[in-house]
């Protein structure tokens, strides 16, 4: 990516340019990834290392690279990524490229700085955390994006993160991204994800995942059926337990002041109506 920042300015439908920046309070996240169930709650019912596929054709086929090459079928494969460690490290990746990815798709930075971008406290900077973060980078690196053209039969694949390296002697992290996916971070659907509510929900993985999903929705979101939320969260428990977990997560989001909502029941179908979404959580501070 020679002249492209990995997190470029956001270009709106009106043609205005708004610079999206990563701060201690916010992290730029592609709404496509947040909506598609790439990061989900951990599940003991799923074996470690289990790999799954997600059909992302409707979203990824609209990327300039995909349209130019005629790719109309797109799937993401790889290990299940959890909403706690893996998503925190993903926020660190986005933060690092936002700061250093202006002229290159390969960047290097001190481990301590990268860990801070992942929202880890300096008191945790030990060998165990270095192993934890590198393991998360490895899992993220397993996420392969496979493009296919039904017309020509051409195929192509790449990774959300092409490579990652930890150098012990210099205590640095080196990351490489694929320039073909840079549009993920500049398309009109980029959003600022507030880090504070995400970390206020620490240990509540269903609520964290639901937060990232609701945060990715447009203003005045349409009613959301519980079965859509279940699909997004990729829950594996019985339906009755899934519904209980979703209700508890919605209540937790309400308790921190993020949303006001109501639940409507039509027969066996449950639907949540989001009446208000407090994106900045002003009453909780910056």
Protein backbone atom coordinates (compact mmCIF):
# COMPACT_ATOMS: atom_id res chain seq x y z
CA UNK A 1 0.00 0.00 0.00
CA UNK A 2 2.31 2.67 -1.16
CA UNK A 3 0.34 5.85 -0.73
CA UNK A 4 -2.63 4.51 1.21
CA UNK A 5 -3.07 4.81 4.94
CA UNK A 6 -4.41 1.47 6.17
CA UNK A 7 -7.11 3.52 7.92
CA UNK A 8 -7.75 6.34 5.40
CA UNK A 9 -10.23 9.18 5.70
CA UNK A 10 -13.89 8.32 5.50
CA UNK A 11 -15.51 9.50 2.28
CA UNK A 12 -19.23 10.11 2.74
CA UNK A 13 -22.01 9.93 0.17
CA UNK A 14 -21.94 13.73 -0.07
CA UNK A 15 -18.27 13.66 -1.01
CA UNK A 16 -17.13 15.23 2.25
CA UNK A 17 -14.02 13.81 3.87
CA UNK A 18 -13.96 13.12 7.60
CA UNK A 19 -10.73 11.91 9.20
CA UNK A 20 -11.30 8.87 11.39
CA UNK A 21 -8.77 8.68 14.18
CA UNK A 22 -7.99 6.11 16.84
CA UNK A 23 -7.89 7.49 20.39
CA UNK A 24 -7.88 6.04 23.88
CA UNK A 25 -11.68 6.16 23.75
CA UNK A 26 -12.41 5.08 20.19
CA UNK A 27 -11.19 2.52 17.68
CA UNK A 28 -11.99 2.59 13.97
CA UNK A 29 -13.66 -0.70 13.06
CA UNK A 30 -15.03 -1.78 9.67
CA UNK A 31 -18.78 -2.19 10.15
CA UNK A 32 -18.71 -5.11 7.71
CA UNK A 33 -16.60 -7.20 10.10
CA UNK A 34 -18.65 -6.19 13.13
CA UNK A 35 -21.91 -7.27 11.52
CA UNK A 36 -20.77 -10.59 10.11
CA UNK A 37 -19.94 -12.58 13.23
CA UNK A 38 -16.16 -12.65 12.84
CA UNK A 39 -15.72 -12.04 16.60
CA UNK A 40 -18.07 -14.03 18.83
CA UNK A 41 -18.39 -15.20 22.45
CA UNK A 42 -16.15 -18.10 23.44
CA UNK A 43 -17.89 -21.49 23.55
CA UNK A 44 -16.79 -24.56 25.48
CA UNK A 45 -18.99 -26.68 23.21
CA UNK A 46 -16.74 -25.94 20.23
CA UNK A 47 -13.34 -27.71 20.13
CA UNK A 48 -10.23 -25.54 20.26
CA UNK A 49 -8.94 -24.84 16.76
CA UNK A 50 -12.37 -25.43 15.18
CA UNK A 51 -12.60 -23.67 11.82
CA UNK A 52 -15.75 -22.31 10.22
CA UNK A 53 -16.84 -20.38 7.15
CA UNK A 54 -18.93 -17.22 6.80
CA UNK A 55 -20.57 -16.13 3.53
CA UNK A 56 -19.73 -12.43 3.10
CA UNK A 57 -20.55 -12.17 -0.61
CA UNK A 58 -23.14 -9.40 -0.29
CA UNK A 59 -20.68 -7.11 1.52
CA UNK A 60 -17.22 -8.02 0.21
CA UNK A 61 -18.23 -8.33 -3.46
CA UNK A 62 -18.90 -4.57 -3.39
CA UNK A 63 -15.27 -3.78 -2.60
CA UNK A 64 -13.45 -2.08 -5.47
CA UNK A 65 -10.91 -4.90 -5.73
CA UNK A 66 -13.65 -7.55 -5.93
CA UNK A 67 -15.70 -5.60 -8.48
CA UNK A 68 -12.65 -4.90 -10.65
CA UNK A 69 -11.69 -8.58 -10.75
CA UNK A 70 -15.30 -9.81 -11.06
CA UNK A 71 -15.37 -11.70 -7.77
CA UNK A 72 -18.99 -12.23 -6.73
CA UNK A 73 -18.66 -15.03 -4.17
CA UNK A 74 -16.67 -14.29 -1.01
CA UNK A 75 -16.26 -16.38 2.15
CA UNK A 76 -14.17 -16.00 5.29
CA UNK A 77 -12.67 -19.16 6.77
CA UNK A 78 -10.59 -19.75 9.87
CA UNK A 79 -10.55 -20.32 13.59
CA UNK A 80 -13.36 -18.98 15.74
CA UNK A 81 -12.23 -15.61 17.13
CA UNK A 82 -13.38 -14.63 20.61
CA UNK A 83 -14.75 -11.23 21.53
CA UNK A 84 -12.39 -10.76 24.48
CA UNK A 85 -8.72 -11.41 23.67
CA UNK A 86 -8.90 -11.68 19.87
CA UNK A 87 -11.06 -8.59 19.42
CA UNK A 88 -8.84 -6.57 21.78
CA UNK A 89 -5.82 -7.54 19.68
CA UNK A 90 -7.74 -6.71 16.49
CA UNK A 91 -8.38 -3.22 17.90
CA UNK A 92 -4.65 -3.01 18.50
CA UNK A 93 -3.96 -3.98 14.87
CA UNK A 94 -6.32 -1.27 13.61
CA UNK A 95 -4.81 1.26 15.98
CA UNK A 96 -1.26 0.40 14.89
CA UNK A 97 -2.02 0.71 11.18
CA UNK A 98 -3.93 3.93 11.76
CA UNK A 99 -0.82 5.40 13.36
CA UNK A 100 1.98 3.88 11.27
CA UNK A 101 0.43 2.49 8.07
CA UNK A 102 0.55 5.69 6.03
CA UNK A 103 3.15 4.57 3.48
CA UNK A 104 3.49 0.84 3.93
CA UNK A 105 1.41 -2.23 4.62
CA UNK A 106 4.23 -3.55 6.87
CA UNK A 107 4.77 -1.82 10.20
CA UNK A 108 6.92 -2.39 13.29
CA UNK A 109 6.34 -0.98 16.77
CA UNK A 110 7.40 -1.70 20.38
CA UNK A 111 5.44 -4.48 22.04
CA UNK A 112 4.56 -2.20 24.96
CA UNK A 113 2.95 0.30 22.58
CA UNK A 114 1.04 -2.40 20.73
CA UNK A 115 -0.20 -3.94 23.99
CA UNK A 116 -1.43 -0.50 25.09
CA UNK A 117 -3.32 -0.18 21.79
CA UNK A 118 -4.92 -3.52 22.66
CA UNK A 119 -6.06 -1.85 25.91
CA UNK A 120 -3.87 -3.90 28.25
CA UNK A 121 -2.62 -2.28 31.43
CA UNK A 122 1.16 -1.77 31.73
CA UNK A 123 1.13 -3.93 34.88
CA UNK A 124 0.24 -6.89 32.64
CA UNK A 125 3.26 -6.50 30.34
CA UNK A 126 4.94 -9.84 31.02
CA UNK A 127 5.91 -12.98 29.11
CA UNK A 128 2.44 -14.45 29.52
CA UNK A 129 0.83 -11.43 27.86
CA UNK A 130 3.37 -11.57 25.03
CA UNK A 131 2.37 -15.19 24.41
CA UNK A 132 -1.34 -14.35 24.68
CA UNK A 133 -1.13 -11.52 22.15
CA UNK A 134 0.97 -13.51 19.70
CA UNK A 135 -1.46 -16.44 19.92
CA UNK A 136 -4.31 -14.03 19.14
CA UNK A 137 -2.38 -12.62 16.16
CA UNK A 138 -1.91 -16.19 14.94
CA UNK A 139 -5.64 -16.91 15.20
CA UNK A 140 -6.49 -13.69 13.38
CA UNK A 141 -3.97 -14.71 10.72
CA UNK A 142 -5.98 -17.89 10.11
CA UNK A 143 -8.92 -15.82 8.86
CA UNK A 144 -8.67 -16.40 5.13
CA UNK A 145 -10.79 -14.33 2.75
CA UNK A 146 -11.59 -16.41 -0.35
CA UNK A 147 -12.81 -14.66 -3.52
CA UNK A 148 -14.43 -16.52 -6.42
CA UNK A 149 -15.81 -15.45 -9.81
CA UNK A 150 -18.76 -17.53 -10.98
CA UNK A 151 -18.34 -16.16 -14.51
CA UNK A 152 -14.63 -16.80 -15.09
CA UNK A 153 -13.91 -19.42 -12.43
CA UNK A 154 -11.01 -17.30 -11.14
CA UNK A 155 -10.22 -17.61 -7.44
CA UNK A 156 -8.09 -15.65 -5.00
CA UNK A 157 -7.45 -15.71 -1.27
CA UNK A 158 -5.73 -13.55 1.30
CA UNK A 159 -5.83 -13.04 5.08
CA UNK A 160 -7.28 -10.34 7.32
CA UNK A 161 -3.71 -10.19 8.67
CA UNK A 162 -1.03 -11.48 6.29
CA UNK A 163 1.68 -11.99 8.89
CA UNK A 164 2.78 -11.12 12.39
CA UNK A 165 6.16 -11.40 14.10
CA UNK A 166 7.41 -10.91 17.64
CA UNK A 167 11.15 -10.21 18.01
CA UNK A 168 12.32 -10.92 21.54
CA UNK A 169 15.67 -9.12 21.35
CA UNK A 170 14.13 -5.77 20.36
CA UNK A 171 10.76 -6.55 22.02
CA UNK A 172 8.90 -5.42 18.90
CA UNK A 173 5.84 -6.49 16.93
CA UNK A 174 5.87 -6.54 13.11
CA UNK A 175 2.57 -6.69 11.23
CA UNK A 176 1.79 -7.02 7.53
CA UNK A 177 -1.61 -6.37 5.93
CA UNK A 178 -2.88 -6.94 2.38
CA UNK A 179 -3.31 -3.74 0.37
CA UNK A 180 -6.19 -5.34 -1.54
CA UNK A 181 -8.33 -5.13 1.58
CA UNK A 182 -7.53 -1.51 2.43
CA UNK A 183 -10.95 -0.45 1.18
CA UNK A 184 -12.50 -2.25 4.14
CA UNK A 185 -11.21 0.66 6.20
CA UNK A 186 -12.21 3.56 3.97
CA UNK A 187 -15.67 2.64 2.72
CA UNK A 188 -18.67 4.70 3.70
CA UNK A 189 -19.67 2.28 6.45
CA UNK A 190 -16.64 2.82 8.68
CA UNK A 191 -17.60 3.70 12.24
CA UNK A 192 -15.95 4.74 15.44
CA UNK A 193 -16.34 2.05 18.07
CA UNK A 194 -16.17 3.44 21.59
CA UNK A 195 -13.72 1.45 23.68
CA UNK A 196 -15.07 2.49 27.07
CA UNK A 197 -18.41 0.62 26.95
CA UNK A 198 -16.61 -2.40 25.46
CA UNK A 199 -14.26 -2.54 28.43
CA UNK A 200 -17.03 -1.75 30.93
CA UNK A 201 -18.54 -5.05 29.78
CA UNK A 202 -15.34 -7.01 30.44
CA UNK A 203 -16.08 -10.63 31.26
CA UNK A 204 -19.55 -10.38 29.69
CA UNK A 205 -18.74 -11.74 26.24
CA UNK A 206 -22.31 -11.96 24.94
CA UNK A 207 -22.91 -8.31 25.89
CA UNK A 208 -19.57 -7.28 24.34
CA UNK A 209 -20.40 -9.03 21.08
CA UNK A 210 -23.91 -7.59 21.02
CA UNK A 211 -22.42 -4.14 21.64
CA UNK A 212 -20.09 -4.42 18.63
CA UNK A 213 -23.05 -5.54 16.50
CA UNK A 214 -25.41 -2.77 17.60
CA UNK A 215 -22.61 -0.19 17.29
CA UNK A 216 -22.21 -1.15 13.62
CA UNK A 217 -25.86 -0.52 12.73
CA UNK A 218 -26.99 2.70 10.98
CA UNK A 219 -28.93 5.40 12.79
CA UNK A 220 -32.51 4.49 13.70
CA UNK A 221 -31.92 0.75 13.18
CA UNK A 222 -34.78 -1.46 12.07
CA UNK A 223 -36.25 -3.97 14.55
CA UNK A 224 -33.89 -6.92 15.09
CA UNK A 225 -35.25 -10.44 15.45
CA UNK A 226 -33.63 -12.65 18.06
CA UNK A 227 -32.85 -15.32 15.46
CA UNK A 228 -30.71 -12.74 13.60
CA UNK A 229 -28.87 -11.93 16.82
CA UNK A 230 -28.36 -15.64 17.52
CA UNK A 231 -26.86 -16.03 14.04
CA UNK A 232 -24.60 -13.02 14.59
CA UNK A 233 -23.42 -14.22 18.03
CA UNK A 234 -22.94 -17.77 16.75
CA UNK A 235 -24.28 -19.15 20.03
CA UNK A 236 -24.31 -22.93 20.48
CA UNK A 237 -26.59 -23.41 23.51
CA UNK A 238 -30.30 -24.43 23.31
CA UNK A 239 -32.63 -21.72 21.92
CA UNK A 240 -34.24 -21.06 25.31
CA UNK A 241 -30.81 -20.42 26.85
CA UNK A 242 -29.78 -18.30 23.86
CA UNK A 243 -32.83 -16.07 24.33
CA UNK A 244 -32.02 -15.74 28.05
CA UNK A 245 -28.42 -14.75 27.26
CA UNK A 246 -29.55 -12.13 24.74
CA UNK A 247 -32.06 -10.62 27.18
CA UNK A 248 -29.38 -10.47 29.88
CA UNK A 249 -26.91 -8.84 27.44
CA UNK A 250 -29.47 -6.22 26.39
CA UNK A 251 -30.09 -5.43 30.06
CA UNK A 252 -26.34 -5.05 30.63
CA UNK A 253 -26.11 -2.62 27.69
CA UNK A 254 -28.98 -0.66 29.18
CA UNK A 255 -27.37 -0.66 32.64
CA UNK A 256 -24.23 1.10 31.32
CA UNK A 257 -26.40 3.69 29.58
CA UNK A 258 -25.70 2.59 26.01
CA UNK A 259 -29.23 1.75 24.80
CA UNK A 260 -32.91 2.06 25.57
CA UNK A 261 -34.93 -0.79 24.14
CA UNK A 262 -38.04 -2.93 24.32
CA UNK A 263 -38.76 -6.53 23.34
CA UNK A 264 -41.82 -7.51 21.32
CA UNK A 265 -43.13 -11.08 21.21
CA UNK A 266 -45.19 -12.39 18.29
CA UNK A 267 -45.96 -16.04 18.89
CA UNK A 268 -42.54 -17.62 19.37
CA UNK A 269 -40.73 -14.80 17.60
CA UNK A 270 -38.87 -12.27 19.76
CA UNK A 271 -37.83 -8.91 18.33
CA UNK A 272 -35.82 -6.11 19.96
CA UNK A 273 -36.60 -2.47 19.21
CA UNK A 274 -33.71 -0.05 19.79
CA UNK A 275 -35.34 3.23 20.86
CA UNK A 276 -32.15 5.11 21.67
CA UNK A 277 -28.44 4.49 21.29
CA UNK A 278 -26.07 6.70 23.29
CA UNK A 279 -22.99 6.51 21.06
CA UNK A 280 -20.87 8.82 23.19
CA UNK A 281 -22.13 7.77 26.62
CA UNK A 282 -21.78 11.40 27.73
CA UNK A 283 -23.05 10.74 31.23
CA UNK A 284 -20.24 8.23 31.69
CA UNK A 285 -17.50 10.64 30.71
CA UNK A 286 -15.41 10.96 27.50
